[in-house]
C-alpha atoms as a PDB file:
ATOM      1  CA  MET A   1      -0.001   0.084  -0.090  1.00  0.00           C
ATOM      2  CA  SER A   2       1.256   3.388  -0.886  1.00  0.00           C
ATOM      3  CA  GLU A   3       2.208   5.899   1.676  1.00  0.00           C
ATOM      4  CA  THR A   4       1.268   9.553   1.747  1.00  0.00           C
ATOM      5  CA  VAL A   5       3.476  12.362   1.842  1.00  0.00           C
ATOM      6  CA  ARG A   6       2.436  13.104   5.284  1.00  0.00           C
ATOM      7  CA  ALA A   7       3.367   9.789   6.634  1.00  0.00           C
ATOM      8  CA  LEU A   8       6.524   9.415   4.853  1.00  0.00           C
ATOM      9  CA  LEU A   9       7.649  13.202   6.154  1.00  0.00           C
ATOM     10  CA  SER A  10       6.593  11.969   9.710  1.00  0.00           C
ATOM     11  CA  ALA A  11       8.624   8.692   9.402  1.00  0.00           C
ATOM     12  CA  ALA A  12      11.697  10.695   7.976  1.00  0.00           C
ATOM     13  CA  THR A  13      11.621  13.062  10.830  1.00  0.00           C
ATOM     14  CA  VAL A  14      11.639  10.251  13.621  1.00  0.00           C
ATOM     15  CA  VAL A  15      14.612   8.620  11.895  1.00  0.00           C
ATOM     16  CA  LEU A  16      16.641  11.813  11.568  1.00  0.00           C
ATOM     17  CA  GLY A  17      15.953  13.183  14.926  1.00  0.00           C
ATOM     18  CA  GLY A  18      16.817  16.505  16.513  1.00  0.00           C
ATOM     19  CA  PRO A  19      15.821  19.873  16.289  1.00  0.00           C
ATOM     20  CA  GLU A  20      16.312  20.144  12.536  1.00  0.00           C
ATOM     21  CA  ALA A  21      14.836  16.672  11.569  1.00  0.00           C
ATOM     22  CA  ARG A  22      11.676  18.138  10.055  1.00  0.00           C
ATOM     23  CA  ARG A  23      13.280  20.620   7.971  1.00  0.00           C
ATOM     24  CA  GLU A  24      15.834  18.263   6.739  1.00  0.00           C
ATOM     25  CA  ALA A  25      13.084  15.585   6.029  1.00  0.00           C
ATOM     26  CA  GLU A  26      11.267  18.164   3.877  1.00  0.00           C
ATOM     27  CA  MET A  27      14.667  19.112   2.133  1.00  0.00           C
ATOM     28  CA  LEU A  28      15.203  15.362   1.249  1.00  0.00           C
ATOM     29  CA  ALA A  29      11.570  14.983   0.157  1.00  0.00           C
ATOM     30  CA  GLU A  30      11.924  17.870  -2.274  1.00  0.00           C
ATOM     31  CA  HIS A  31      14.925  16.329  -3.596  1.00  0.00           C
ATOM     32  CA  ALA A  32      13.841  12.619  -3.805  1.00  0.00           C
ATOM     33  CA  LEU A  33      10.379  13.771  -5.322  1.00  0.00           C
ATOM     34  CA  ALA A  34      11.526  16.558  -7.244  1.00  0.00           C
ATOM     35  CA  ARG A  35       8.787  18.714  -5.787  1.00  0.00           C
ATOM     36  CA  THR A  36       8.816  22.146  -4.071  1.00  0.00           C
ATOM     37  CA  ARG A  37       8.343  22.592  -0.380  1.00  0.00           C
ATOM     38  CA  ALA A  38       5.038  24.406  -1.313  1.00  0.00           C
ATOM     39  CA  TRP A  39       3.657  21.143  -3.123  1.00  0.00           C
ATOM     40  CA  LEU A  40       4.662  19.066  -0.094  1.00  0.00           C
ATOM     41  CA  TYR A  41       2.376  21.157   2.244  1.00  0.00           C
ATOM     42  CA  ALA A  42      -0.344  21.227  -0.485  1.00  0.00           C
ATOM     43  CA  HIS A  43      -0.535  17.491  -1.291  1.00  0.00           C
ATOM     44  CA  ASP A  44       0.603  15.823   1.982  1.00  0.00           C
ATOM     45  CA  ASP A  45      -2.492  13.606   1.755  1.00  0.00           C
ATOM     46  CA  ASP A  46      -1.166  12.180  -1.680  1.00  0.00           C
ATOM     47  CA  ALA A  47       0.250   8.768  -2.206  1.00  0.00           C
ATOM     48  CA  VAL A  48       3.668   8.502  -3.283  1.00  0.00           C
ATOM     49  CA  GLY A  49       4.925   5.826  -5.783  1.00  0.00           C
ATOM     50  CA  GLU A  50       7.051   2.962  -4.228  1.00  0.00           C
ATOM     51  CA  GLU A  51      10.227   3.992  -6.109  1.00  0.00           C
ATOM     52  CA  GLU A  52      10.097   7.537  -4.971  1.00  0.00           C
ATOM     53  CA  ALA A  53       9.288   6.463  -1.489  1.00  0.00           C
ATOM     54  CA  ALA A  54      12.168   4.060  -1.496  1.00  0.00           C
ATOM     55  CA  ASN A  55      14.551   6.847  -2.859  1.00  0.00           C
ATOM     56  CA  LEU A  56      13.505   9.132  -0.223  1.00  0.00           C
ATOM     57  CA  ARG A  57      14.083   6.468   2.566  1.00  0.00           C
ATOM     58  CA  ALA A  58      17.328   5.884   1.221  1.00  0.00           C
ATOM     59  CA  LEU A  59      18.435   9.560   1.363  1.00  0.00           C
ATOM     60  CA  VAL A  60      17.062   9.601   4.843  1.00  0.00           C
ATOM     61  CA  LEU A  61      19.451   6.855   6.172  1.00  0.00           C
ATOM     62  CA  ARG A  62      22.214   8.512   4.371  1.00  0.00           C
ATOM     63  CA  ARG A  63      21.736  11.475   6.230  1.00  0.00           C
ATOM     64  CA  ALA A  64      21.039   9.548   9.319  1.00  0.00           C
ATOM     65  CA  ALA A  65      24.555   8.245   8.890  1.00  0.00           C
ATOM     66  CA  GLY A  66      25.845  11.335   9.075  1.00  0.00           C
ATOM     67  CA  GLU A  67      26.414  12.217   5.473  1.00  0.00           C
ATOM     68  CA  PRO A  68      26.212  16.248   4.876  1.00  0.00           C
ATOM     69  CA  LEU A  69      22.799  17.263   3.586  1.00  0.00           C
ATOM     70  CA  ALA A  70      24.230  19.517   1.230  1.00  0.00           C
ATOM     71  CA  TYR A  71      25.777  16.537  -0.467  1.00  0.00           C
ATOM     72  CA  ILE A  72      22.739  14.501  -0.549  1.00  0.00           C
ATOM     73  CA  VAL A  73      20.725  17.179  -2.115  1.00  0.00           C
ATOM     74  CA  ARG A  74      23.611  18.734  -4.140  1.00  0.00           C
ATOM     75  CA  ARG A  75      22.627  22.228  -3.103  1.00  0.00           C
ATOM     76  CA  ARG A  76      23.671  24.778  -0.796  1.00  0.00           C
ATOM     77  CA  GLU A  77      22.685  28.518  -0.460  1.00  0.00           C
ATOM     78  CA  PHE A  78      25.164  31.045  -0.078  1.00  0.00           C
ATOM     79  CA  PHE A  79      24.698  34.793  -0.025  1.00  0.00           C
ATOM     80  CA  GLY A  80      21.390  34.549  -1.752  1.00  0.00           C
ATOM     81  CA  LEU A  81      22.739  32.316  -4.403  1.00  0.00           C
ATOM     82  CA  ASP A  82      21.622  28.509  -4.939  1.00  0.00           C
ATOM     83  CA  LEU A  83      24.832  26.689  -5.433  1.00  0.00           C
ATOM     84  CA  GLU A  84      25.401  23.284  -6.688  1.00  0.00           C
ATOM     85  CA  VAL A  85      27.822  21.515  -4.093  1.00  0.00           C
ATOM     86  CA  THR A  86      29.122  17.926  -4.692  1.00  0.00           C
ATOM     87  CA  PRO A  87      32.012  16.135  -2.455  1.00  0.00           C
ATOM     88  CA  GLU A  88      34.445  17.697  -4.725  1.00  0.00           C
ATOM     89  CA  VAL A  89      34.137  20.979  -2.941  1.00  0.00           C
ATOM     90  CA  LEU A  90      34.065  22.485   0.423  1.00  0.00           C
ATOM     91  CA  ILE A  91      30.249  23.022   1.509  1.00  0.00           C
ATOM     92  CA  PRO A  92      29.922  26.942   1.750  1.00  0.00           C
ATOM     93  CA  ARG A  93      29.037  27.979   5.231  1.00  0.00           C
ATOM     94  CA  ALA A  94      27.232  30.901   6.551  1.00  0.00           C
ATOM     95  CA  GLU A  95      30.191  32.188   8.476  1.00  0.00           C
ATOM     96  CA  THR A  96      31.972  32.480   5.053  1.00  0.00           C
ATOM     97  CA  GLU A  97      29.646  35.160   4.203  1.00  0.00           C
ATOM     98  CA  LEU A  98      31.478  37.727   6.477  1.00  0.00           C
ATOM     99  CA  LEU A  99      34.751  37.386   4.102  1.00  0.00           C
ATOM    100  CA  VAL A 100      32.104  38.395   1.089  1.00  0.00           C
ATOM    101  CA  GLU A 101      30.845  41.342   3.380  1.00  0.00           C
ATOM    102  CA  GLN A 102      34.337  42.632   4.084  1.00  0.00           C
ATOM    103  CA  ALA A 103      35.263  42.160   0.328  1.00  0.00           C
ATOM    104  CA  LEU A 104      32.166  44.382  -0.684  1.00  0.00           C
ATOM    105  CA  LEU A 105      32.919  47.209   1.548  1.00  0.00           C
ATOM    106  CA  ARG A 106      36.261  47.545  -0.126  1.00  0.00           C
ATOM    107  CA  ILE A 107      35.061  47.170  -3.753  1.00  0.00           C
ATOM    108  CA  PRO A 108      32.964  50.332  -4.920  1.00  0.00           C
ATOM    109  CA  ASN A 109      29.965  49.904  -6.916  1.00  0.00           C
ATOM    110  CA  ASP A 110      30.956  51.957  -9.624  1.00  0.00           C
ATOM    111  CA  ALA A 111      34.797  50.654 -10.161  1.00  0.00           C
ATOM    112  CA  ALA A 112      35.766  47.998 -12.648  1.00  0.00           C
ATOM    113  CA  ALA A 113      37.743  46.368  -9.991  1.00  0.00           C
ATOM    114  CA  VAL A 114      39.901  43.042 -10.737  1.00  0.00           C
ATOM    115  CA  VAL A 115      39.434  40.411  -7.854  1.00  0.00           C
ATOM    116  CA  ALA A 116      40.685  37.057  -7.700  1.00  0.00           C
ATOM    117  CA  ASP A 117      39.442  34.339  -5.394  1.00  0.00           C
ATOM    118  CA  LEU A 118      41.890  31.756  -4.506  1.00  0.00           C
ATOM    119  CA  GLY A 119      40.865  28.269  -3.912  1.00  0.00           C
ATOM    120  CA  THR A 120      37.297  28.929  -5.252  1.00  0.00           C
ATOM    121  CA  GLY A 121      35.763  25.440  -4.661  1.00  0.00           C
ATOM    122  CA  SER A 122      31.947  25.641  -5.572  1.00  0.00           C
ATOM    123  CA  GLY A 123      32.501  29.288  -6.554  1.00  0.00           C
ATOM    124  CA  ALA A 124      30.655  30.683  -3.733  1.00  0.00           C
ATOM    125  CA  ILE A 125      32.928  33.473  -2.825  1.00  0.00           C
ATOM    126  CA  ALA A 126      33.841  34.562  -6.404  1.00  0.00           C
ATOM    127  CA  LEU A 127      30.153  34.466  -7.616  1.00  0.00           C
ATOM    128  CA  ALA A 128      28.746  36.118  -4.642  1.00  0.00           C
ATOM    129  CA  ILE A 129      31.244  39.166  -5.417  1.00  0.00           C
ATOM    130  CA  ALA A 130      30.763  39.036  -9.249  1.00  0.00           C
ATOM    131  CA  GLU A 131      26.781  39.327  -8.837  1.00  0.00           C
ATOM    132  CA  LEU A 132      27.104  42.264  -6.252  1.00  0.00           C
ATOM    133  CA  ARG A 133      29.583  44.010  -8.142  1.00  0.00           C
ATOM    134  CA  PRO A 134      29.120  43.581 -11.863  1.00  0.00           C
ATOM    135  CA  LEU A 135      31.549  46.034 -13.004  1.00  0.00           C
ATOM    136  CA  ALA A 136      34.160  43.926 -11.235  1.00  0.00           C
ATOM    137  CA  ARG A 137      36.135  41.296 -13.111  1.00  0.00           C
ATOM    138  CA  VAL A 138      36.659  38.158 -10.921  1.00  0.00           C
ATOM    139  CA  VAL A 139      39.130  35.254 -11.574  1.00  0.00           C
ATOM    140  CA  ALA A 140      38.221  32.060  -9.628  1.00  0.00           C
ATOM    141  CA  ILE A 141      41.127  29.700  -8.936  1.00  0.00           C
ATOM    142  CA  ASP A 142      41.354  26.170  -7.895  1.00  0.00           C
ATOM    143  CA  ALA A 143      43.876  23.245  -8.038  1.00  0.00           C
ATOM    144  CA  SER A 144      41.004  20.902  -8.271  1.00  0.00           C
ATOM    145  CA  ASP A 145      39.633  20.204 -11.951  1.00  0.00           C
ATOM    146  CA  GLY A 146      36.465  18.679 -10.309  1.00  0.00           C
ATOM    147  CA  ALA A 147      36.002  21.956  -8.072  1.00  0.00           C
ATOM    148  CA  LEU A 148      36.305  24.136 -11.277  1.00  0.00           C
ATOM    149  CA  ALA A 149      33.872  22.035 -13.191  1.00  0.00           C
ATOM    150  CA  VAL A 150      31.321  22.495 -10.047  1.00  0.00           C
ATOM    151  CA  ALA A 151      32.240  26.495 -10.037  1.00  0.00           C
ATOM    152  CA  ARG A 152      31.894  26.787 -13.788  1.00  0.00           C
ATOM    153  CA  ARG A 153      28.469  24.811 -13.607  1.00  0.00           C
ATOM    154  CA  ASN A 154      27.416  27.319 -10.956  1.00  0.00           C
ATOM    155  CA  ALA A 155      28.396  30.441 -12.903  1.00  0.00           C
ATOM    156  CA  GLU A 156      26.614  29.072 -16.132  1.00  0.00           C
ATOM    157  CA  ARG A 157      23.332  27.997 -14.155  1.00  0.00           C
ATOM    158  CA  LEU A 158      23.268  31.406 -12.098  1.00  0.00           C
ATOM    159  CA  ARG A 159      24.120  33.456 -15.443  1.00  0.00           C
ATOM    160  CA  ILE A 160      27.050  35.136 -13.621  1.00  0.00           C
ATOM    161  CA  ASP A 161      29.328  36.071 -16.790  1.00  0.00           C
ATOM    162  CA  ASN A 162      31.889  38.454 -15.242  1.00  0.00           C
ATOM    163  CA  VAL A 163      33.798  35.647 -13.839  1.00  0.00           C
ATOM    164  CA  ALA A 164      36.910  33.697 -15.256  1.00  0.00           C
ATOM    165  CA  PHE A 165      38.517  30.259 -14.133  1.00  0.00           C
ATOM    166  CA  ALA A 166      41.928  29.152 -13.833  1.00  0.00           C
ATOM    167  CA  HIS A 167      43.568  25.996 -12.920  1.00  0.00           C
ATOM    168  CA  GLY A 168      46.325  26.004 -10.075  1.00  0.00           C
ATOM    169  CA  ASP A 169      47.547  26.581  -6.763  1.00  0.00           C
ATOM    170  CA  TRP A 170      47.027  29.611  -5.243  1.00  0.00           C
ATOM    171  CA  CYS A 171      49.096  32.857  -6.584  1.00  0.00           C
ATOM    172  CA  ALA A 172      50.828  30.511  -8.843  1.00  0.00           C
ATOM    173  CA  ALA A 173      47.795  30.457 -11.098  1.00  0.00           C
ATOM    174  CA  LEU A 174      47.246  34.135 -11.195  1.00  0.00           C
ATOM    175  CA  PRO A 175      47.348  35.700 -14.644  1.00  0.00           C
ATOM    176  CA  ALA A 176      50.428  38.155 -15.180  1.00  0.00           C
ATOM    177  CA  GLN A 177      48.394  41.361 -14.013  1.00  0.00           C
ATOM    178  CA  ARG A 178      47.993  43.224 -10.761  1.00  0.00           C
ATOM    179  CA  PHE A 179      44.912  42.959  -8.926  1.00  0.00           C
ATOM    180  CA  ASP A 180      42.758  45.074  -6.691  1.00  0.00           C
ATOM    181  CA  MET A 181      41.829  42.270  -4.438  1.00  0.00           C
ATOM    182  CA  LEU A 182      42.753  38.766  -3.659  1.00  0.00           C
ATOM    183  CA  VAL A 183      40.417  36.825  -1.126  1.00  0.00           C
ATOM    184  CA  ALA A 184      40.473  33.345  -0.092  1.00  0.00           C
ATOM    185  CA  ASN A 185      39.148  30.933   2.348  1.00  0.00           C
ATOM    186  CA  PRO A 186      41.935  28.348   2.342  1.00  0.00           C
ATOM    187  CA  PRO A 187      42.427  25.208   4.362  1.00  0.00           C
ATOM    188  CA  TYR A 188      43.123  26.238   7.963  1.00  0.00           C
ATOM    189  CA  ILE A 189      42.908  23.104   9.983  1.00  0.00           C
ATOM    190  CA  ALA A 190      45.757  21.519  11.784  1.00  0.00           C
ATOM    191  CA  ALA A 191      46.503  17.897  10.491  1.00  0.00           C
ATOM    192  CA  ASP A 192      45.908  16.398  13.604  1.00  0.00           C
ATOM    193  CA  ASP A 193      42.636  18.160  14.674  1.00  0.00           C
ATOM    194  CA  ALA A 194      40.255  15.966  16.434  1.00  0.00           C
ATOM    195  CA  HIS A 195      37.234  17.815  14.871  1.00  0.00           C
ATOM    196  CA  LEU A 196      38.387  16.242  11.318  1.00  0.00           C
ATOM    197  CA  ALA A 197      36.973  12.743  12.334  1.00  0.00           C
ATOM    198  CA  GLN A 198      33.592  14.439  13.328  1.00  0.00           C
ATOM    199  CA  GLY A 199      30.360  15.792  11.466  1.00  0.00           C
ATOM    200  CA  ASP A 200      30.468  17.155   7.887  1.00  0.00           C
ATOM    201  CA  LEU A 201      34.157  17.362   7.843  1.00  0.00           C
ATOM    202  CA  ARG A 202      34.467  13.473   7.815  1.00  0.00           C
ATOM    203  CA  PHE A 203      33.126  13.728   4.209  1.00  0.00           C
ATOM    204  CA  GLU A 204      34.602  16.860   2.926  1.00  0.00           C
ATOM    205  CA  PRO A 205      37.567  17.157   0.538  1.00  0.00           C
ATOM    206  CA  ALA A 206      40.869  16.896   2.816  1.00  0.00           C
ATOM    207  CA  ARG A 207      42.703  19.494   0.598  1.00  0.00           C
ATOM    208  CA  ALA A 208      40.032  22.015   1.293  1.00  0.00           C
ATOM    209  CA  LEU A 209      40.567  21.577   5.022  1.00  0.00           C
ATOM    210  CA  VAL A 210      43.858  20.745   6.246  1.00  0.00           C
ATOM    211  CA  SER A 211      46.902  22.922   5.955  1.00  0.00           C
ATOM    212  CA  GLY A 212      50.205  21.689   7.906  1.00  0.00           C
ATOM    213  CA  HIS A 213      50.731  21.173  11.390  1.00  0.00           C
ATOM    214  CA  ASP A 214      49.236  24.273  12.667  1.00  0.00           C
ATOM    215  CA  GLY A 215      46.674  24.815   9.720  1.00  0.00           C
ATOM    216  CA  LEU A 216      48.567  27.897   8.280  1.00  0.00           C
ATOM    217  CA  ASP A 217      50.856  26.600   5.578  1.00  0.00           C
ATOM    218  CA  ALA A 218      48.236  27.742   3.078  1.00  0.00           C
ATOM    219  CA  ILE A 219      47.867  31.085   4.550  1.00  0.00           C
ATOM    220  CA  ARG A 220      51.802  31.508   4.897  1.00  0.00           C
ATOM    221  CA  ALA A 221      52.217  30.601   1.164  1.00  0.00           C
ATOM    222  CA  ILE A 222      49.388  33.099   0.079  1.00  0.00           C
ATOM    223  CA  ALA A 223      50.299  36.057   2.244  1.00  0.00           C
ATOM    224  CA  ALA A 224      54.122  35.818   0.925  1.00  0.00           C
ATOM    225  CA  ALA A 225      53.102  35.554  -2.889  1.00  0.00           C
ATOM    226  CA  ALA A 226      50.166  38.228  -2.657  1.00  0.00           C
ATOM    227  CA  PRO A 227      52.307  41.202  -2.637  1.00  0.00           C
ATOM    228  CA  GLY A 228      53.588  40.362  -6.205  1.00  0.00           C
ATOM    229  CA  HIS A 229      49.855  40.289  -7.516  1.00  0.00           C
ATOM    230  CA  LEU A 230      48.379  43.177  -5.995  1.00  0.00           C
ATOM    231  CA  ARG A 231      48.474  46.783  -6.963  1.00  0.00           C
ATOM    232  CA  ALA A 232      49.595  49.493  -4.716  1.00  0.00           C
ATOM    233  CA  GLY A 233      46.581  50.050  -2.185  1.00  0.00           C
ATOM    234  CA  GLY A 234      45.150  46.390  -3.078  1.00  0.00           C
ATOM    235  CA  TRP A 235      43.632  44.213  -0.350  1.00  0.00           C
ATOM    236  CA  LEU A 236      44.359  40.518   0.631  1.00  0.00           C
ATOM    237  CA  LEU A 237      41.350  39.177   2.805  1.00  0.00           C
ATOM    238  CA  LEU A 238      41.498  35.568   4.309  1.00  0.00           C
ATOM    239  CA  GLU A 239      39.262  33.584   6.323  1.00  0.00           C
ATOM    240  CA  HIS A 240      40.707  31.481   9.054  1.00  0.00           C
ATOM    241  CA  GLY A 241      40.135  29.641  12.463  1.00  0.00           C
ATOM    242  CA  HIS A 242      38.588  31.002  15.335  1.00  0.00           C
ATOM    243  CA  GLU A 243      42.022  31.165  17.223  1.00  0.00           C
ATOM    244  CA  GLN A 244      44.328  32.330  14.362  1.00  0.00           C
ATOM    245  CA  GLY A 245      43.736  35.773  13.964  1.00  0.00           C
ATOM    246  CA  PRO A 246      46.800  36.969  15.929  1.00  0.00           C
ATOM    247  CA  ALA A 247      48.763  34.610  13.946  1.00  0.00           C
ATOM    248  CA  VAL A 248      47.319  35.788  10.623  1.00  0.00           C
ATOM    249  CA  GLY A 249      47.796  39.402  11.544  1.00  0.00           C
ATOM    250  CA  ARG A 250      51.280  38.779  11.990  1.00  0.00           C
ATOM    251  CA  LEU A 251      51.921  37.087   9.006  1.00  0.00           C
ATOM    252  CA  LEU A 252      50.452  40.035   6.962  1.00  0.00           C
ATOM    253  CA  GLN A 253      52.382  42.592   8.758  1.00  0.00           C
ATOM    254  CA  GLN A 254      55.707  40.233   8.088  1.00  0.00           C
ATOM    255  CA  ASN A 255      54.910  40.428   4.549  1.00  0.00           C
ATOM    256  CA  GLY A 256      54.569  44.146   4.246  1.00  0.00           C
ATOM    257  CA  PHE A 257      50.689  44.498   4.459  1.00  0.00           C
ATOM    258  CA  VAL A 258      49.374  47.598   6.454  1.00  0.00           C
ATOM    259  CA  GLU A 259      45.926  48.609   7.720  1.00  0.00           C
ATOM    260  CA  THR A 260      45.564  45.160   8.878  1.00  0.00           C
ATOM    261  CA  PHE A 261      42.237  44.179  10.488  1.00  0.00           C
ATOM    262  CA  LEU A 262      40.518  41.249  12.261  1.00  0.00           C
ATOM    263  CA  GLU A 263      36.656  40.730  12.157  1.00  0.00           C
ATOM    264  CA  ARG A 264      34.896  38.551  14.128  1.00  0.00           C
ATOM    265  CA  ASP A 265      31.817  36.462  13.251  1.00  0.00           C
ATOM    266  CA  LEU A 266      28.446  36.602  14.925  1.00  0.00           C
ATOM    267  CA  GLU A 267      29.611  34.206  17.802  1.00  0.00           C
ATOM    268  CA  GLY A 268      32.505  36.656  18.455  1.00  0.00           C
ATOM    269  CA  ARG A 269      34.933  34.324  17.236  1.00  0.00           C
ATOM    270  CA  ASP A 270      38.005  35.221  14.745  1.00  0.00           C
ATOM    271  CA  ARG A 271      37.116  34.693  11.167  1.00  0.00           C
ATOM    272  CA  VAL A 272      38.382  37.308   8.828  1.00  0.00           C
ATOM    273  CA  SER A 273      41.669  38.919   8.609  1.00  0.00           C
ATOM    274  CA  GLY A 274      43.207  41.316   5.898  1.00  0.00           C
ATOM    275  CA  GLY A 275      45.588  44.176   4.919  1.00  0.00           C
ATOM    276  CA  ARG A 276      46.439  46.541   2.159  1.00  0.00           C
ATOM    277  CA  CYS A 277      49.466  46.187  -0.239  1.00  0.00           C
ATOM    278  CA  VAL A 278      51.746  49.294   0.140  1.00  0.00           C
ATOM    279  CA  SER A 279      53.683  48.559  -3.249  1.00  0.00           C
END
């Protein structure tokens, strides 16, 4: 006997458990049934075909086993953009929106700024900047071909055309020109950090998470190379870990950056640091 939408959602909510269970059950149902949330509400008495019901149950079990919801439904919202995400890329997080906000504060609306996003992943940062600063030209760089493919698909689907893509490792992949801004959300977790065996981090690409014994290897490399790719007065902005603000500030100053700053996220944790290039 076929089950109704309501029955399937109720069962999924029980299996998932926790305060987000109902919301996640609905998102999984949207994906499994290829329907909108509004449709689920309006048709909760409708019977669901056995194949679709089995698909939903399988997705619920994957989520209950800890697989990130974003990888299951292949979507994550970031700065108002509906992004495709796959296991090739880091899942965009709300705290990274602070990096975009800080970048936008330093890119005038009426300026044809040239910006690069180092380690673009899904393209979240690059596309958010490009969407909100349409006169800017943004270069999105990643060392992973798989990640670049995801970012390109996101740009095409969202019809954001002031973004170009380049393959390579951090600043080494930058075109031979000077930029007004470099932004990056590089890996910043220490290799022995216990959190790597917990939650969503278990499923995300290690190359996008881990950066040496103290988590700062990628930031060191970027801070050292960035002055050679920035115009005088150009900015370098970096996301980092919640206890890394002082260390990142010192790295910026050691590499000649001035007007360095540290911004904390909504929970009061170190999150974004930056500085201005003087030459």
